[in-house]
Amino acid sequence: MAPSVEIANERVAQCVKDLNALFDQIETDFLPKVVAARSAQTSTAWSSAPPAVAFRASMQTTLDVAETKLTQLWDRVGELCETLKQNVADLESLDATTAADLERLMTRASEPLEMPETRVPYAPGMAPPETAPPLWALPPSPTSGDSPFADLGTGNGWNSGA
């Protein structure tokens, strides 16, 4: 007989709330700011002096990487949603409101991230920079223990019985 999985409804509700908050932060807080900052990096905003041109190119590259990382984070949150759904599949009594919230979350997780409208990110006639951003400009690794989801899948917060 396979072991059953038990988790408190409150824990599921909190995970659903936290995952929705992550989606909200990516979609409404972080991504629009990155896109707006990148679109502001034009030749009209910066001097044509070589140091300014180099800085602008580096800034554009860094913002491109940030946008890519946010898209990857969106996908990872979707994966966490799937994991959560699988973990609650064995629950016998899941609060109806939490179940409905989880279904809405799953619908959201299956949708692609909608990108905000952008202005031309590079000045006419300018090619995107080909240099990588400095390591200090990359976002922190998502493996830090600061995540509210760090205990998912590790056994912490989950009770397993035979």
N, C-alpha and C. Protein backbone atom coordinates (compact mmCIF):
# COMPACT_ATOMS: atom_id res chain seq x y z
N MET A 1 0.84 -1.17 0.00
CA MET A 1 0.00 0.00 0.00
C MET A 1 0.89 1.25 0.00
N ALA A 2 0.59 2.16 -0.87
CA ALA A 2 1.38 3.39 -0.98
C ALA A 2 1.10 4.28 0.22
N PRO A 3 2.12 4.99 0.70
CA PRO A 3 1.89 5.88 1.83
C PRO A 3 0.97 7.02 1.42
N SER A 4 0.14 7.48 2.34
CA SER A 4 -0.74 8.60 2.05
C SER A 4 -0.03 9.90 2.41
N VAL A 5 -0.46 10.95 1.80
CA VAL A 5 0.12 12.26 2.06
C VAL A 5 -0.93 13.09 2.77
N GLU A 6 -0.53 13.72 3.86
CA GLU A 6 -1.44 14.58 4.58
C GLU A 6 -0.80 15.96 4.68
N ILE A 7 -1.62 16.95 4.49
CA ILE A 7 -1.16 18.33 4.60
C ILE A 7 -2.33 19.16 5.09
N ALA A 8 -2.08 20.08 5.96
CA ALA A 8 -3.15 20.91 6.51
C ALA A 8 -3.69 21.84 5.42
N ASN A 9 -5.01 22.00 5.44
CA ASN A 9 -5.65 22.91 4.47
C ASN A 9 -5.05 24.31 4.54
N GLU A 10 -4.68 24.72 5.74
CA GLU A 10 -4.11 26.06 5.91
C GLU A 10 -2.78 26.18 5.16
N ARG A 11 -2.00 25.11 5.18
CA ARG A 11 -0.70 25.12 4.48
C ARG A 11 -0.91 25.21 2.98
N VAL A 12 -1.88 24.46 2.46
CA VAL A 12 -2.18 24.52 1.03
C VAL A 12 -2.65 25.92 0.67
N ALA A 13 -3.56 26.46 1.47
CA ALA A 13 -4.08 27.81 1.20
C ALA A 13 -2.95 28.83 1.19
N GLN A 14 -1.99 28.71 2.14
CA GLN A 14 -0.87 29.65 2.18
C GLN A 14 0.03 29.49 0.96
N CYS A 15 0.28 28.25 0.54
CA CYS A 15 1.10 28.02 -0.66
C CYS A 15 0.43 28.62 -1.89
N VAL A 16 -0.87 28.42 -2.03
CA VAL A 16 -1.61 28.99 -3.16
C VAL A 16 -1.49 30.51 -3.13
N LYS A 17 -1.67 31.09 -1.95
CA LYS A 17 -1.56 32.55 -1.81
C LYS A 17 -0.15 33.03 -2.18
N ASP A 18 0.88 32.32 -1.69
CA ASP A 18 2.26 32.71 -1.96
C ASP A 18 2.60 32.58 -3.45
N LEU A 19 2.14 31.50 -4.10
CA LEU A 19 2.42 31.33 -5.53
C LEU A 19 1.72 32.40 -6.35
N ASN A 20 0.49 32.74 -5.98
CA ASN A 20 -0.20 33.82 -6.68
C ASN A 20 0.52 35.15 -6.49
N ALA A 21 1.05 35.37 -5.29
CA ALA A 21 1.81 36.60 -5.03
C ALA A 21 3.06 36.65 -5.91
N LEU A 22 3.72 35.50 -6.09
CA LEU A 22 4.90 35.48 -6.98
C LEU A 22 4.50 35.82 -8.42
N PHE A 23 3.41 35.21 -8.89
CA PHE A 23 2.92 35.55 -10.24
C PHE A 23 2.65 37.05 -10.34
N ASP A 24 1.98 37.60 -9.32
CA ASP A 24 1.66 39.04 -9.34
C ASP A 24 2.92 39.90 -9.39
N GLN A 25 3.91 39.54 -8.56
CA GLN A 25 5.15 40.33 -8.53
C GLN A 25 5.86 40.30 -9.88
N ILE A 26 5.93 39.14 -10.49
CA ILE A 26 6.60 39.04 -11.79
C ILE A 26 5.84 39.84 -12.83
N GLU A 27 4.52 39.63 -12.88
CA GLU A 27 3.70 40.19 -13.95
C GLU A 27 3.45 41.69 -13.81
N THR A 28 3.25 42.17 -12.58
CA THR A 28 2.86 43.57 -12.42
C THR A 28 3.94 44.46 -11.82
N ASP A 29 4.90 43.86 -11.11
CA ASP A 29 5.93 44.68 -10.48
C ASP A 29 7.24 44.67 -11.26
N PHE A 30 7.83 43.47 -11.40
CA PHE A 30 9.18 43.39 -11.92
C PHE A 30 9.27 43.54 -13.44
N LEU A 31 8.52 42.75 -14.18
CA LEU A 31 8.65 42.74 -15.63
C LEU A 31 8.36 44.10 -16.27
N PRO A 32 7.27 44.78 -15.92
CA PRO A 32 7.04 46.10 -16.53
C PRO A 32 8.17 47.10 -16.25
N LYS A 33 8.76 47.02 -15.05
CA LYS A 33 9.87 47.93 -14.73
C LYS A 33 11.11 47.61 -15.56
N VAL A 34 11.39 46.34 -15.75
CA VAL A 34 12.56 45.94 -16.56
C VAL A 34 12.35 46.37 -18.00
N VAL A 35 11.15 46.12 -18.53
CA VAL A 35 10.86 46.48 -19.93
C VAL A 35 10.92 47.99 -20.10
N ALA A 36 10.37 48.74 -19.16
CA ALA A 36 10.40 50.21 -19.25
C ALA A 36 11.83 50.73 -19.17
N ALA A 37 12.62 50.17 -18.28
CA ALA A 37 14.02 50.61 -18.15
C ALA A 37 14.80 50.29 -19.41
N ARG A 38 14.55 49.11 -19.98
CA ARG A 38 15.27 48.74 -21.20
C ARG A 38 14.89 49.66 -22.35
N SER A 39 13.60 49.99 -22.47
CA SER A 39 13.18 50.83 -23.58
C SER A 39 13.70 52.26 -23.46
N ALA A 40 14.10 52.63 -22.26
CA ALA A 40 14.64 53.98 -22.05
C ALA A 40 16.11 54.09 -22.45
N GLN A 41 16.75 52.98 -22.75
CA GLN A 41 18.17 52.98 -23.08
C GLN A 41 18.36 53.24 -24.58
N THR A 42 18.11 54.45 -25.00
CA THR A 42 18.23 54.81 -26.41
C THR A 42 19.37 55.81 -26.61
N SER A 43 19.73 56.00 -27.86
CA SER A 43 20.80 56.95 -28.16
C SER A 43 20.38 58.38 -27.84
N THR A 44 19.08 58.65 -27.80
CA THR A 44 18.63 60.00 -27.44
C THR A 44 18.72 60.23 -25.93
N ALA A 45 18.72 59.16 -25.15
CA ALA A 45 18.82 59.30 -23.70
C ALA A 45 20.26 59.37 -23.23
N TRP A 46 21.20 58.91 -24.04
CA TRP A 46 22.59 58.84 -23.65
C TRP A 46 23.46 59.61 -24.63
N SER A 47 24.54 60.10 -24.13
CA SER A 47 25.53 60.78 -24.95
C SER A 47 26.15 59.78 -25.93
N SER A 48 26.71 60.31 -27.00
CA SER A 48 27.38 59.45 -27.97
C SER A 48 28.86 59.22 -27.60
N ALA A 49 29.25 59.71 -26.44
CA ALA A 49 30.62 59.48 -25.96
C ALA A 49 30.82 57.99 -25.72
N PRO A 50 31.99 57.46 -26.09
CA PRO A 50 32.22 56.02 -25.95
C PRO A 50 31.89 55.43 -24.58
N PRO A 51 32.23 56.08 -23.46
CA PRO A 51 31.86 55.48 -22.16
C PRO A 51 30.34 55.37 -21.99
N ALA A 52 29.61 56.37 -22.45
CA ALA A 52 28.15 56.33 -22.34
C ALA A 52 27.56 55.26 -23.24
N VAL A 53 28.10 55.11 -24.43
CA VAL A 53 27.63 54.08 -25.36
C VAL A 53 27.89 52.69 -24.77
N ALA A 54 29.06 52.52 -24.19
CA ALA A 54 29.40 51.23 -23.58
C ALA A 54 28.49 50.93 -22.39
N PHE A 55 28.24 51.95 -21.57
CA PHE A 55 27.35 51.75 -20.43
C PHE A 55 25.95 51.40 -20.89
N ARG A 56 25.45 52.12 -21.89
CA ARG A 56 24.10 51.86 -22.41
C ARG A 56 24.01 50.43 -22.94
N ALA A 57 25.01 49.98 -23.66
CA ALA A 57 25.01 48.62 -24.20
C ALA A 57 25.01 47.59 -23.07
N SER A 58 25.83 47.85 -22.06
CA SER A 58 25.87 46.95 -20.90
C SER A 58 24.53 46.94 -20.17
N MET A 59 23.92 48.10 -20.02
CA MET A 59 22.62 48.20 -19.35
C MET A 59 21.55 47.44 -20.14
N GLN A 60 21.55 47.60 -21.45
CA GLN A 60 20.57 46.90 -22.29
C GLN A 60 20.73 45.38 -22.15
N THR A 61 21.95 44.93 -22.18
CA THR A 61 22.22 43.49 -22.04
C THR A 61 21.75 42.99 -20.68
N THR A 62 22.07 43.71 -19.64
CA THR A 62 21.67 43.32 -18.30
C THR A 62 20.15 43.26 -18.19
N LEU A 63 19.46 44.22 -18.76
CA LEU A 63 18.00 44.23 -18.71
C LEU A 63 17.41 43.11 -19.56
N ASP A 64 18.05 42.78 -20.67
CA ASP A 64 17.61 41.62 -21.48
C ASP A 64 17.71 40.34 -20.66
N VAL A 65 18.82 40.19 -19.94
CA VAL A 65 19.03 39.01 -19.10
C VAL A 65 17.98 38.98 -17.98
N ALA A 66 17.71 40.12 -17.39
CA ALA A 66 16.70 40.20 -16.32
C ALA A 66 15.34 39.76 -16.84
N GLU A 67 14.98 40.21 -18.04
CA GLU A 67 13.70 39.80 -18.63
C GLU A 67 13.66 38.29 -18.86
N THR A 68 14.74 37.74 -19.36
CA THR A 68 14.81 36.29 -19.57
C THR A 68 14.68 35.55 -18.25
N LYS A 69 15.36 36.02 -17.22
CA LYS A 69 15.30 35.38 -15.91
C LYS A 69 13.89 35.45 -15.33
N LEU A 70 13.20 36.57 -15.53
CA LEU A 70 11.82 36.69 -15.04
C LEU A 70 10.89 35.72 -15.76
N THR A 71 11.11 35.54 -17.06
CA THR A 71 10.31 34.57 -17.81
C THR A 71 10.59 33.16 -17.31
N GLN A 72 11.85 32.86 -17.02
CA GLN A 72 12.20 31.54 -16.48
C GLN A 72 11.60 31.36 -15.08
N LEU A 73 11.59 32.43 -14.29
CA LEU A 73 11.00 32.35 -12.95
C LEU A 73 9.50 32.10 -13.05
N TRP A 74 8.82 32.74 -14.00
CA TRP A 74 7.40 32.50 -14.24
C TRP A 74 7.17 31.00 -14.51
N ASP A 75 8.00 30.43 -15.38
CA ASP A 75 7.88 29.00 -15.69
C ASP A 75 8.12 28.14 -14.45
N ARG A 76 9.09 28.52 -13.63
CA ARG A 76 9.41 27.75 -12.42
C ARG A 76 8.26 27.82 -11.42
N VAL A 77 7.63 28.97 -11.29
CA VAL A 77 6.48 29.09 -10.40
C VAL A 77 5.37 28.17 -10.91
N GLY A 78 5.21 28.09 -12.23
CA GLY A 78 4.23 27.17 -12.81
C GLY A 78 4.55 25.73 -12.43
N GLU A 79 5.83 25.37 -12.44
CA GLU A 79 6.23 24.02 -12.02
C GLU A 79 5.91 23.78 -10.54
N LEU A 80 6.12 24.80 -9.71
CA LEU A 80 5.77 24.67 -8.30
C LEU A 80 4.27 24.48 -8.12
N CYS A 81 3.48 25.13 -8.97
CA CYS A 81 2.03 24.96 -8.93
C CYS A 81 1.67 23.50 -9.22
N GLU A 82 2.30 22.93 -10.22
CA GLU A 82 2.04 21.52 -10.57
C GLU A 82 2.42 20.61 -9.40
N THR A 83 3.56 20.88 -8.78
CA THR A 83 4.00 20.07 -7.65
C THR A 83 3.00 20.17 -6.51
N LEU A 84 2.55 21.37 -6.22
CA LEU A 84 1.56 21.56 -5.16
C LEU A 84 0.28 20.80 -5.48
N LYS A 85 -0.17 20.89 -6.71
CA LYS A 85 -1.40 20.19 -7.09
C LYS A 85 -1.24 18.68 -6.93
N GLN A 86 -0.09 18.17 -7.31
CA GLN A 86 0.15 16.73 -7.16
C GLN A 86 0.17 16.33 -5.69
N ASN A 87 0.72 17.20 -4.84
CA ASN A 87 0.81 16.88 -3.42
C ASN A 87 -0.55 16.91 -2.72
N VAL A 88 -1.47 17.71 -3.21
CA VAL A 88 -2.79 17.76 -2.58
C VAL A 88 -3.79 16.81 -3.23
N ALA A 89 -3.38 16.11 -4.28
CA ALA A 89 -4.30 15.21 -4.98
C ALA A 89 -4.82 14.11 -4.06
N ASP A 90 -4.04 13.68 -3.07
CA ASP A 90 -4.45 12.61 -2.17
C ASP A 90 -5.26 13.08 -0.97
N LEU A 91 -5.47 14.37 -0.87
CA LEU A 91 -6.22 14.88 0.29
C LEU A 91 -7.68 14.45 0.21
N GLU A 92 -8.21 14.02 1.31
CA GLU A 92 -9.61 13.62 1.34
C GLU A 92 -10.53 14.80 1.62
N SER A 93 -10.04 15.76 2.37
CA SER A 93 -10.91 16.89 2.71
C SER A 93 -10.16 18.19 2.48
N LEU A 94 -10.36 18.74 1.32
CA LEU A 94 -9.73 20.02 0.98
C LEU A 94 -10.83 21.07 0.98
N ASP A 95 -10.62 22.12 1.69
CA ASP A 95 -11.58 23.20 1.75
C ASP A 95 -12.01 23.61 0.34
N ALA A 96 -13.30 23.75 0.11
CA ALA A 96 -13.83 24.06 -1.23
C ALA A 96 -13.28 25.37 -1.77
N THR A 97 -13.12 26.36 -0.94
CA THR A 97 -12.59 27.64 -1.40
C THR A 97 -11.14 27.48 -1.82
N THR A 98 -10.36 26.77 -1.04
CA THR A 98 -8.96 26.54 -1.39
C THR A 98 -8.86 25.72 -2.67
N ALA A 99 -9.74 24.73 -2.83
CA ALA A 99 -9.74 23.92 -4.05
C ALA A 99 -10.03 24.79 -5.27
N ALA A 100 -11.00 25.69 -5.15
CA ALA A 100 -11.33 26.60 -6.26
C ALA A 100 -10.16 27.54 -6.54
N ASP A 101 -9.53 28.06 -5.48
CA ASP A 101 -8.36 28.93 -5.66
C ASP A 101 -7.22 28.17 -6.34
N LEU A 102 -7.04 26.90 -5.96
CA LEU A 102 -5.99 26.08 -6.57
C LEU A 102 -6.28 25.87 -8.05
N GLU A 103 -7.50 25.64 -8.42
CA GLU A 103 -7.85 25.48 -9.83
C GLU A 103 -7.59 26.76 -10.61
N ARG A 104 -7.94 27.91 -10.04
CA ARG A 104 -7.65 29.20 -10.71
C ARG A 104 -6.14 29.38 -10.85
N LEU A 105 -5.39 28.97 -9.83
CA LEU A 105 -3.94 29.05 -9.88
C LEU A 105 -3.40 28.17 -11.00
N MET A 106 -3.94 26.96 -11.13
CA MET A 106 -3.48 26.04 -12.16
C MET A 106 -3.78 26.60 -13.56
N THR A 107 -4.92 27.24 -13.71
CA THR A 107 -5.24 27.88 -14.99
C THR A 107 -4.22 28.97 -15.29
N ARG A 108 -3.92 29.78 -14.30
CA ARG A 108 -2.94 30.85 -14.47
C ARG A 108 -1.56 30.29 -14.78
N ALA A 109 -1.18 29.19 -14.13
CA ALA A 109 0.13 28.60 -14.35
C ALA A 109 0.27 28.04 -15.76
N SER A 110 -0.83 27.66 -16.37
CA SER A 110 -0.76 27.09 -17.72
C SER A 110 -0.74 28.15 -18.80
N GLU A 111 -0.97 29.41 -18.44
CA GLU A 111 -0.97 30.49 -19.41
C GLU A 111 0.44 31.07 -19.55
N PRO A 112 0.82 31.45 -20.77
CA PRO A 112 2.14 32.07 -20.94
C PRO A 112 2.14 33.47 -20.34
N LEU A 113 3.29 33.92 -19.96
CA LEU A 113 3.45 35.26 -19.42
C LEU A 113 3.19 36.28 -20.52
N GLU A 114 2.30 37.23 -20.26
CA GLU A 114 2.04 38.28 -21.25
C GLU A 114 3.05 39.40 -21.05
N MET A 115 3.74 39.70 -22.11
CA MET A 115 4.76 40.73 -22.04
C MET A 115 4.12 42.10 -22.19
N PRO A 116 4.55 43.08 -21.41
CA PRO A 116 4.03 44.43 -21.59
C PRO A 116 4.50 45.00 -22.92
N GLU A 117 3.73 45.94 -23.43
CA GLU A 117 4.15 46.57 -24.69
C GLU A 117 5.46 47.30 -24.47
N THR A 118 6.29 47.26 -25.50
CA THR A 118 7.58 47.93 -25.38
C THR A 118 7.72 48.97 -26.46
N ARG A 119 8.51 49.95 -26.14
CA ARG A 119 8.94 50.88 -27.16
C ARG A 119 10.17 50.26 -27.79
N VAL A 120 10.69 50.86 -28.81
CA VAL A 120 11.87 50.32 -29.47
C VAL A 120 13.00 50.30 -28.45
N PRO A 121 13.52 49.09 -28.11
CA PRO A 121 14.55 49.03 -27.08
C PRO A 121 15.91 49.52 -27.55
N TYR A 122 16.14 49.55 -28.83
CA TYR A 122 17.43 49.99 -29.34
C TYR A 122 17.18 51.10 -30.34
N ALA A 123 18.06 52.05 -30.38
CA ALA A 123 17.92 53.16 -31.29
C ALA A 123 17.93 52.66 -32.73
N PRO A 124 17.20 53.33 -33.61
CA PRO A 124 17.21 52.90 -35.01
C PRO A 124 18.63 52.77 -35.54
N GLY A 125 18.88 51.66 -36.21
CA GLY A 125 20.20 51.42 -36.78
C GLY A 125 21.19 50.81 -35.80
N MET A 126 20.78 50.68 -34.54
CA MET A 126 21.67 50.11 -33.52
C MET A 126 21.34 48.63 -33.36
N ALA A 127 22.34 47.80 -33.29
CA ALA A 127 22.13 46.37 -33.06
C ALA A 127 22.17 46.12 -31.55
N PRO A 128 21.48 45.09 -31.09
CA PRO A 128 21.57 44.76 -29.66
C PRO A 128 23.01 44.42 -29.30
N PRO A 129 23.42 44.74 -28.09
CA PRO A 129 24.79 44.43 -27.68
C PRO A 129 25.02 42.93 -27.64
N GLU A 130 26.26 42.55 -27.88
CA GLU A 130 26.61 41.14 -27.89
C GLU A 130 27.42 40.74 -26.66
N THR A 131 27.57 41.65 -25.73
CA THR A 131 28.37 41.35 -24.55
C THR A 131 27.46 40.85 -23.43
N ALA A 132 27.99 39.99 -22.61
CA ALA A 132 27.24 39.48 -21.48
C ALA A 132 27.33 40.48 -20.34
N PRO A 133 26.31 40.52 -19.48
CA PRO A 133 26.36 41.46 -18.36
C PRO A 133 27.38 40.97 -17.33
N PRO A 134 27.88 41.88 -16.53
CA PRO A 134 28.81 41.47 -15.47
C PRO A 134 28.06 40.58 -14.48
N LEU A 135 28.79 39.70 -13.80
CA LEU A 135 28.16 38.76 -12.88
C LEU A 135 27.39 39.47 -11.78
N TRP A 136 27.84 40.65 -11.35
CA TRP A 136 27.14 41.36 -10.28
C TRP A 136 25.76 41.80 -10.72
N ALA A 137 25.50 41.85 -12.01
CA ALA A 137 24.22 42.34 -12.51
C ALA A 137 23.18 41.24 -12.63
N LEU A 138 23.58 40.00 -12.45
CA LEU A 138 22.63 38.89 -12.57
C LEU A 138 21.83 38.74 -11.28
N PRO A 139 20.55 38.31 -11.39
CA PRO A 139 19.76 38.11 -10.18
C PRO A 139 20.32 36.97 -9.35
N PRO A 140 19.98 36.95 -8.05
CA PRO A 140 20.50 35.88 -7.19
C PRO A 140 19.95 34.52 -7.61
N SER A 141 20.66 33.50 -7.25
CA SER A 141 20.27 32.14 -7.56
C SER A 141 18.96 31.81 -6.85
N PRO A 142 18.02 31.12 -7.55
CA PRO A 142 16.74 30.79 -6.91
C PRO A 142 16.86 29.66 -5.90
N THR A 143 18.06 29.19 -5.62
CA THR A 143 18.22 28.08 -4.69
C THR A 143 18.45 28.57 -3.27
N SER A 144 18.34 29.87 -3.03
CA SER A 144 18.59 30.35 -1.68
C SER A 144 17.51 29.84 -0.74
N GLY A 145 17.85 29.70 0.51
CA GLY A 145 16.93 29.20 1.51
C GLY A 145 15.90 30.23 1.95
N ASP A 146 15.89 31.42 1.35
CA ASP A 146 14.97 32.47 1.72
C ASP A 146 13.57 32.25 1.15
N SER A 147 13.41 31.35 0.24
CA SER A 147 12.14 31.14 -0.43
C SER A 147 11.10 30.61 0.53
N PRO A 148 9.84 31.13 0.45
CA PRO A 148 8.78 30.56 1.28
C PRO A 148 8.44 29.13 0.85
N PHE A 149 8.99 28.68 -0.27
CA PHE A 149 8.70 27.35 -0.79
C PHE A 149 9.89 26.42 -0.60
N ALA A 150 10.89 26.86 0.18
CA ALA A 150 12.11 26.06 0.33
C ALA A 150 11.82 24.70 0.94
N ASP A 151 10.73 24.60 1.73
CA ASP A 151 10.44 23.32 2.36
C ASP A 151 9.61 22.40 1.49
N LEU A 152 9.11 22.85 0.35
CA LEU A 152 8.32 21.98 -0.52
C LEU A 152 9.20 20.87 -1.08
N GLY A 153 8.77 19.69 -0.95
CA GLY A 153 9.51 18.55 -1.49
C GLY A 153 10.64 18.06 -0.60
N THR A 154 10.90 18.73 0.50
CA THR A 154 11.99 18.28 1.37
C THR A 154 11.47 17.52 2.57
N GLY A 155 10.19 17.47 2.75
CA GLY A 155 9.61 16.77 3.88
C GLY A 155 9.24 17.71 5.01
N ASN A 156 9.77 18.93 5.05
CA ASN A 156 9.44 19.87 6.09
C ASN A 156 8.03 20.38 5.87
N GLY A 157 7.22 20.36 6.88
CA GLY A 157 5.86 20.87 6.77
C GLY A 157 4.89 19.82 6.24
N TRP A 158 5.38 18.68 5.88
CA TRP A 158 4.53 17.60 5.33
C TRP A 158 4.58 16.44 6.31
N ASN A 159 3.47 15.83 6.50
CA ASN A 159 3.42 14.63 7.34
C ASN A 159 3.13 13.46 6.45
N SER A 160 3.93 12.45 6.51
CA SER A 160 3.65 11.26 5.71
C SER A 160 3.37 10.12 6.66
N GLY A 161 2.38 9.34 6.30
CA GLY A 161 2.00 8.21 7.13
C GLY A 161 1.95 6.97 6.28
N ALA A 162 1.88 5.83 6.89
CA ALA A 162 1.83 4.59 6.13
C ALA A 162 0.39 4.23 5.84
